[in-house]
């Protein structure tokens, strides 16, 4: 199939225009036409013509790889809301909510303890006895909990988890929140 170049002609493989034999025969390439794969030579030629785009792609790829590898080697698991409910029910996990007290009181996971980041200490009275239990850290969107998780791992906690997406993911999964101080 040839591609439609405009109302007066079509593009040939050489890039020249030829008039259509008849306007009724003009067709656009069908979606089932095979797409030629990019060869290594074409890819290298593209990289040579577009060095900034190529460097950006390489940089983003390396950053994503580093992030994945560092996350897997850190010993900190990122879990979904459904996995958190299983940890609570099966393994008696300690859920630590790192949000400010006002947000915690507006709604938190049942059984969660509120330890604000400004007062976060692995030797905290709520945390120290739970070294053998799974500990799940929860914040608003899952970012603040990462720093706290690293501190727990450094202090010798072995089963450290972060709720992926934070309390917003919990709410998006339509799971219940409890109001008050807990």
C-alpha atoms as a PDB file:
ATOM      1  CA  UNK A   1       0.000   0.000   0.000  1.00  0.00           C
ATOM      2  CA  UNK A   2       1.033   3.528  -0.737  1.00  0.00           C
ATOM      3  CA  UNK A   3       0.305   6.470   1.471  1.00  0.00           C
ATOM      4  CA  UNK A   4      -1.986   9.258   0.338  1.00  0.00           C
ATOM      5  CA  UNK A   5       0.153  12.365  -0.205  1.00  0.00           C
ATOM      6  CA  UNK A   6      -2.607  14.786  -1.033  1.00  0.00           C
ATOM      7  CA  UNK A   7      -5.532  15.185  -3.388  1.00  0.00           C
ATOM      8  CA  UNK A   8      -3.322  15.244  -6.490  1.00  0.00           C
ATOM      9  CA  UNK A   9      -0.979  12.336  -6.103  1.00  0.00           C
ATOM     10  CA  UNK A  10       0.725   9.706  -4.057  1.00  0.00           C
ATOM     11  CA  UNK A  11       4.259   9.252  -2.777  1.00  0.00           C
ATOM     12  CA  UNK A  12       6.273   6.521  -4.362  1.00  0.00           C
ATOM     13  CA  UNK A  13       9.156   4.797  -2.568  1.00  0.00           C
ATOM     14  CA  UNK A  14      11.527   7.243  -4.306  1.00  0.00           C
ATOM     15  CA  UNK A  15       9.522  10.181  -2.933  1.00  0.00           C
ATOM     16  CA  UNK A  16       8.295  11.470  -6.313  1.00  0.00           C
ATOM     17  CA  UNK A  17       4.671  12.283  -6.962  1.00  0.00           C
ATOM     18  CA  UNK A  18       2.586  10.416  -9.494  1.00  0.00           C
ATOM     19  CA  UNK A  19      -0.978  11.345 -10.330  1.00  0.00           C
ATOM     20  CA  UNK A  20      -3.633   8.824  -9.385  1.00  0.00           C
ATOM     21  CA  UNK A  21      -5.008   6.806 -12.234  1.00  0.00           C
ATOM     22  CA  UNK A  22      -8.454   7.503 -10.855  1.00  0.00           C
ATOM     23  CA  UNK A  23      -9.620   9.316  -7.681  1.00  0.00           C
ATOM     24  CA  UNK A  24     -11.751   6.261  -6.905  1.00  0.00           C
ATOM     25  CA  UNK A  25      -8.597   4.152  -6.550  1.00  0.00           C
ATOM     26  CA  UNK A  26      -6.926   6.399  -3.955  1.00  0.00           C
ATOM     27  CA  UNK A  27      -6.550   4.455  -0.711  1.00  0.00           C
ATOM     28  CA  UNK A  28      -4.801   5.017   2.560  1.00  0.00           C
ATOM     29  CA  UNK A  29      -2.494   2.268   3.821  1.00  0.00           C
ATOM     30  CA  UNK A  30      -4.586  -0.319   5.608  1.00  0.00           C
ATOM     31  CA  UNK A  31      -3.879  -0.915   9.310  1.00  0.00           C
ATOM     32  CA  UNK A  32      -2.998  -4.538   8.538  1.00  0.00           C
ATOM     33  CA  UNK A  33      -0.046  -3.530   6.352  1.00  0.00           C
ATOM     34  CA  UNK A  34       3.158  -4.806   7.966  1.00  0.00           C
ATOM     35  CA  UNK A  35       5.404  -2.217   9.586  1.00  0.00           C
ATOM     36  CA  UNK A  36       9.059  -2.578   8.752  1.00  0.00           C
ATOM     37  CA  UNK A  37      11.145  -2.997  11.915  1.00  0.00           C
ATOM     38  CA  UNK A  38      13.848  -0.435  12.561  1.00  0.00           C
ATOM     39  CA  UNK A  39      17.278  -1.803  11.796  1.00  0.00           C
ATOM     40  CA  UNK A  40      20.301  -1.140  13.966  1.00  0.00           C
ATOM     41  CA  UNK A  41      21.810   0.955  11.181  1.00  0.00           C
ATOM     42  CA  UNK A  42      18.671   3.142  11.048  1.00  0.00           C
ATOM     43  CA  UNK A  43      18.688   3.492  14.820  1.00  0.00           C
ATOM     44  CA  UNK A  44      22.345   4.569  14.834  1.00  0.00           C
ATOM     45  CA  UNK A  45      21.657   7.004  11.993  1.00  0.00           C
ATOM     46  CA  UNK A  46      18.732   8.476  13.967  1.00  0.00           C
ATOM     47  CA  UNK A  47      20.949   8.819  17.063  1.00  0.00           C
ATOM     48  CA  UNK A  48      23.559  10.617  14.950  1.00  0.00           C
ATOM     49  CA  UNK A  49      20.989  13.054  13.584  1.00  0.00           C
ATOM     50  CA  UNK A  50      19.324  13.648  16.967  1.00  0.00           C
ATOM     51  CA  UNK A  51      22.017  13.489  19.686  1.00  0.00           C
ATOM     52  CA  UNK A  52      20.032  15.428  22.303  1.00  0.00           C
ATOM     53  CA  UNK A  53      16.979  13.172  21.981  1.00  0.00           C
ATOM     54  CA  UNK A  54      19.226  10.114  22.085  1.00  0.00           C
ATOM     55  CA  UNK A  55      21.021  11.314  25.223  1.00  0.00           C
ATOM     56  CA  UNK A  56      17.685  12.125  26.854  1.00  0.00           C
ATOM     57  CA  UNK A  57      16.383   8.629  26.090  1.00  0.00           C
ATOM     58  CA  UNK A  58      19.571   7.045  27.441  1.00  0.00           C
ATOM     59  CA  UNK A  59      19.424   9.195  30.589  1.00  0.00           C
ATOM     60  CA  UNK A  60      15.778   8.372  31.295  1.00  0.00           C
ATOM     61  CA  UNK A  61      16.413   4.675  30.683  1.00  0.00           C
ATOM     62  CA  UNK A  62      19.366   4.650  33.091  1.00  0.00           C
ATOM     63  CA  UNK A  63      17.396   6.567  35.728  1.00  0.00           C
ATOM     64  CA  UNK A  64      14.511   4.086  35.520  1.00  0.00           C
ATOM     65  CA  UNK A  65      16.879   1.116  35.755  1.00  0.00           C
ATOM     66  CA  UNK A  66      18.703   2.637  38.729  1.00  0.00           C
ATOM     67  CA  UNK A  67      15.413   3.354  40.501  1.00  0.00           C
ATOM     68  CA  UNK A  68      14.155  -0.213  39.983  1.00  0.00           C
ATOM     69  CA  UNK A  69      17.410  -1.853  41.069  1.00  0.00           C
ATOM     70  CA  UNK A  70      17.858   0.416  44.100  1.00  0.00           C
ATOM     71  CA  UNK A  71      14.259  -0.246  45.160  1.00  0.00           C
ATOM     72  CA  UNK A  72      14.707  -4.004  44.953  1.00  0.00           C
ATOM     73  CA  UNK A  73      18.018  -3.989  46.833  1.00  0.00           C
ATOM     74  CA  UNK A  74      16.811  -1.665  49.614  1.00  0.00           C
ATOM     75  CA  UNK A  75      14.835  -4.384  51.400  1.00  0.00           C
ATOM     76  CA  UNK A  76      11.764  -2.155  51.452  1.00  0.00           C
ATOM     77  CA  UNK A  77       8.665  -3.609  49.816  1.00  0.00           C
ATOM     78  CA  UNK A  78       6.090  -1.386  48.152  1.00  0.00           C
ATOM     79  CA  UNK A  79       2.685  -2.954  48.621  1.00  0.00           C
ATOM     80  CA  UNK A  80      -0.797  -2.366  47.239  1.00  0.00           C
ATOM     81  CA  UNK A  81      -3.822  -1.726  49.464  1.00  0.00           C
ATOM     82  CA  UNK A  82      -5.035  -5.332  49.025  1.00  0.00           C
ATOM     83  CA  UNK A  83      -1.641  -6.631  50.191  1.00  0.00           C
ATOM     84  CA  UNK A  84      -1.849  -4.368  53.243  1.00  0.00           C
ATOM     85  CA  UNK A  85      -5.178  -5.833  54.313  1.00  0.00           C
ATOM     86  CA  UNK A  86      -3.676  -9.328  54.006  1.00  0.00           C
ATOM     87  CA  UNK A  87      -0.657  -8.304  56.125  1.00  0.00           C
ATOM     88  CA  UNK A  88      -2.915  -6.846  58.809  1.00  0.00           C
ATOM     89  CA  UNK A  89      -5.218  -9.873  58.920  1.00  0.00           C
ATOM     90  CA  UNK A  90      -2.608 -12.610  58.531  1.00  0.00           C
ATOM     91  CA  UNK A  91       0.571 -11.227  60.133  1.00  0.00           C
ATOM     92  CA  UNK A  92      -0.724  -8.618  62.602  1.00  0.00           C
ATOM     93  CA  UNK A  93       1.205  -5.836  60.812  1.00  0.00           C
ATOM     94  CA  UNK A  94       1.827  -2.544  62.558  1.00  0.00           C
ATOM     95  CA  UNK A  95       0.519   0.308  60.388  1.00  0.00           C
ATOM     96  CA  UNK A  96       2.257   3.631  61.011  1.00  0.00           C
ATOM     97  CA  UNK A  97       0.560   6.708  59.541  1.00  0.00           C
ATOM     98  CA  UNK A  98       3.093   9.504  59.055  1.00  0.00           C
ATOM     99  CA  UNK A  99       0.629  12.282  58.219  1.00  0.00           C
ATOM    100  CA  UNK A 100      -0.009  15.283  60.455  1.00  0.00           C
ATOM    101  CA  UNK A 101      -2.449  14.751  63.325  1.00  0.00           C
ATOM    102  CA  UNK A 102      -5.258  16.739  61.651  1.00  0.00           C
ATOM    103  CA  UNK A 103      -5.181  14.576  58.526  1.00  0.00           C
ATOM    104  CA  UNK A 104      -4.908  11.404  60.621  1.00  0.00           C
ATOM    105  CA  UNK A 105      -8.024  12.345  62.621  1.00  0.00           C
ATOM    106  CA  UNK A 106     -10.015  13.053  59.444  1.00  0.00           C
ATOM    107  CA  UNK A 107      -9.494   9.461  58.338  1.00  0.00           C
ATOM    108  CA  UNK A 108      -6.948   6.674  58.782  1.00  0.00           C
ATOM    109  CA  UNK A 109      -6.607   2.922  58.366  1.00  0.00           C
ATOM    110  CA  UNK A 110      -8.168   1.030  61.289  1.00  0.00           C
ATOM    111  CA  UNK A 111      -5.550   0.169  63.914  1.00  0.00           C
ATOM    112  CA  UNK A 112      -2.944   2.576  62.530  1.00  0.00           C
ATOM    113  CA  UNK A 113      -0.666   4.497  64.880  1.00  0.00           C
ATOM    114  CA  UNK A 114       0.034   8.148  64.132  1.00  0.00           C
ATOM    115  CA  UNK A 115       3.728   9.045  64.302  1.00  0.00           C
ATOM    116  CA  UNK A 116       4.423  12.300  62.515  1.00  0.00           C
ATOM    117  CA  UNK A 117       7.590  12.569  60.432  1.00  0.00           C
ATOM    118  CA  UNK A 118       8.864  15.419  62.623  1.00  0.00           C
ATOM    119  CA  UNK A 119       8.782  13.014  65.598  1.00  0.00           C
ATOM    120  CA  UNK A 120       9.680   9.847  63.700  1.00  0.00           C
ATOM    121  CA  UNK A 121      12.286   7.761  65.512  1.00  0.00           C
ATOM    122  CA  UNK A 122      12.855   4.013  65.084  1.00  0.00           C
ATOM    123  CA  UNK A 123      13.158   3.787  68.890  1.00  0.00           C
ATOM    124  CA  UNK A 124       9.685   5.339  69.342  1.00  0.00           C
ATOM    125  CA  UNK A 125       7.520   3.561  71.949  1.00  0.00           C
ATOM    126  CA  UNK A 126       5.077   2.438  69.218  1.00  0.00           C
ATOM    127  CA  UNK A 127       7.800   1.168  66.898  1.00  0.00           C
ATOM    128  CA  UNK A 128      10.569  -0.393  69.007  1.00  0.00           C
ATOM    129  CA  UNK A 129       8.514  -3.395  70.213  1.00  0.00           C
ATOM    130  CA  UNK A 130       7.476  -4.185  66.617  1.00  0.00           C
ATOM    131  CA  UNK A 131      10.928  -5.100  65.231  1.00  0.00           C
ATOM    132  CA  UNK A 132       9.773  -8.683  64.568  1.00  0.00           C
ATOM    133  CA  UNK A 133       6.421  -7.681  63.026  1.00  0.00           C
ATOM    134  CA  UNK A 134       5.781  -6.403  59.533  1.00  0.00           C
ATOM    135  CA  UNK A 135       5.710  -2.604  59.677  1.00  0.00           C
ATOM    136  CA  UNK A 136       3.755  -0.719  57.012  1.00  0.00           C
ATOM    137  CA  UNK A 137       4.373   2.992  56.609  1.00  0.00           C
ATOM    138  CA  UNK A 138       1.575   5.150  55.214  1.00  0.00           C
ATOM    139  CA  UNK A 139       1.640   8.788  54.156  1.00  0.00           C
ATOM    140  CA  UNK A 140      -0.513  10.898  51.846  1.00  0.00           C
ATOM    141  CA  UNK A 141       0.776   9.637  48.461  1.00  0.00           C
ATOM    142  CA  UNK A 142       3.615   7.227  49.280  1.00  0.00           C
ATOM    143  CA  UNK A 143       6.618   9.557  48.988  1.00  0.00           C
ATOM    144  CA  UNK A 144       7.253  10.627  52.590  1.00  0.00           C
ATOM    145  CA  UNK A 145       7.138   7.039  53.800  1.00  0.00           C
ATOM    146  CA  UNK A 146      10.232   6.104  51.768  1.00  0.00           C
ATOM    147  CA  UNK A 147      12.560   8.168  53.980  1.00  0.00           C
ATOM    148  CA  UNK A 148      11.049   6.698  57.145  1.00  0.00           C
ATOM    149  CA  UNK A 149      11.353   3.178  55.705  1.00  0.00           C
ATOM    150  CA  UNK A 150      15.082   3.676  55.073  1.00  0.00           C
ATOM    151  CA  UNK A 151      15.542   4.792  58.686  1.00  0.00           C
ATOM    152  CA  UNK A 152      13.714   1.694  59.968  1.00  0.00           C
ATOM    153  CA  UNK A 153      15.867  -0.625  57.828  1.00  0.00           C
ATOM    154  CA  UNK A 154      18.997   1.108  59.127  1.00  0.00           C
ATOM    155  CA  UNK A 155      17.760   0.604  62.712  1.00  0.00           C
ATOM    156  CA  UNK A 156      17.443  -3.164  62.170  1.00  0.00           C
ATOM    157  CA  UNK A 157      13.789  -3.612  61.215  1.00  0.00           C
ATOM    158  CA  UNK A 158      13.639  -6.523  58.795  1.00  0.00           C
ATOM    159  CA  UNK A 159      10.072  -6.462  57.432  1.00  0.00           C
ATOM    160  CA  UNK A 160       9.523  -2.872  56.279  1.00  0.00           C
ATOM    161  CA  UNK A 161       6.757  -2.024  53.806  1.00  0.00           C
ATOM    162  CA  UNK A 162       5.434   1.170  52.246  1.00  0.00           C
ATOM    163  CA  UNK A 163       1.853   1.524  51.040  1.00  0.00           C
ATOM    164  CA  UNK A 164       2.233   2.310  47.329  1.00  0.00           C
ATOM    165  CA  UNK A 165       0.267   5.472  46.579  1.00  0.00           C
ATOM    166  CA  UNK A 166      -0.305   6.195  50.277  1.00  0.00           C
ATOM    167  CA  UNK A 167      -3.687   6.885  51.811  1.00  0.00           C
ATOM    168  CA  UNK A 168      -4.907   8.162  48.425  1.00  0.00           C
ATOM    169  CA  UNK A 169      -4.434   4.671  46.942  1.00  0.00           C
ATOM    170  CA  UNK A 170      -6.291   3.204  49.928  1.00  0.00           C
ATOM    171  CA  UNK A 171      -9.217   5.546  49.270  1.00  0.00           C
ATOM    172  CA  UNK A 172      -9.096   4.911  45.508  1.00  0.00           C
ATOM    173  CA  UNK A 173      -9.484   1.182  46.281  1.00  0.00           C
ATOM    174  CA  UNK A 174     -12.697   2.044  48.216  1.00  0.00           C
ATOM    175  CA  UNK A 175     -11.301   0.706  51.482  1.00  0.00           C
ATOM    176  CA  UNK A 176     -12.647   2.094  54.764  1.00  0.00           C
ATOM    177  CA  UNK A 177     -11.100   4.821  56.889  1.00  0.00           C
ATOM    178  CA  UNK A 178     -11.691   5.406  60.588  1.00  0.00           C
ATOM    179  CA  UNK A 179     -12.139   8.947  61.954  1.00  0.00           C
ATOM    180  CA  UNK A 180     -10.740  10.200  65.238  1.00  0.00           C
ATOM    181  CA  UNK A 181      -7.488   9.656  67.086  1.00  0.00           C
ATOM    182  CA  UNK A 182      -7.482   5.900  66.681  1.00  0.00           C
END
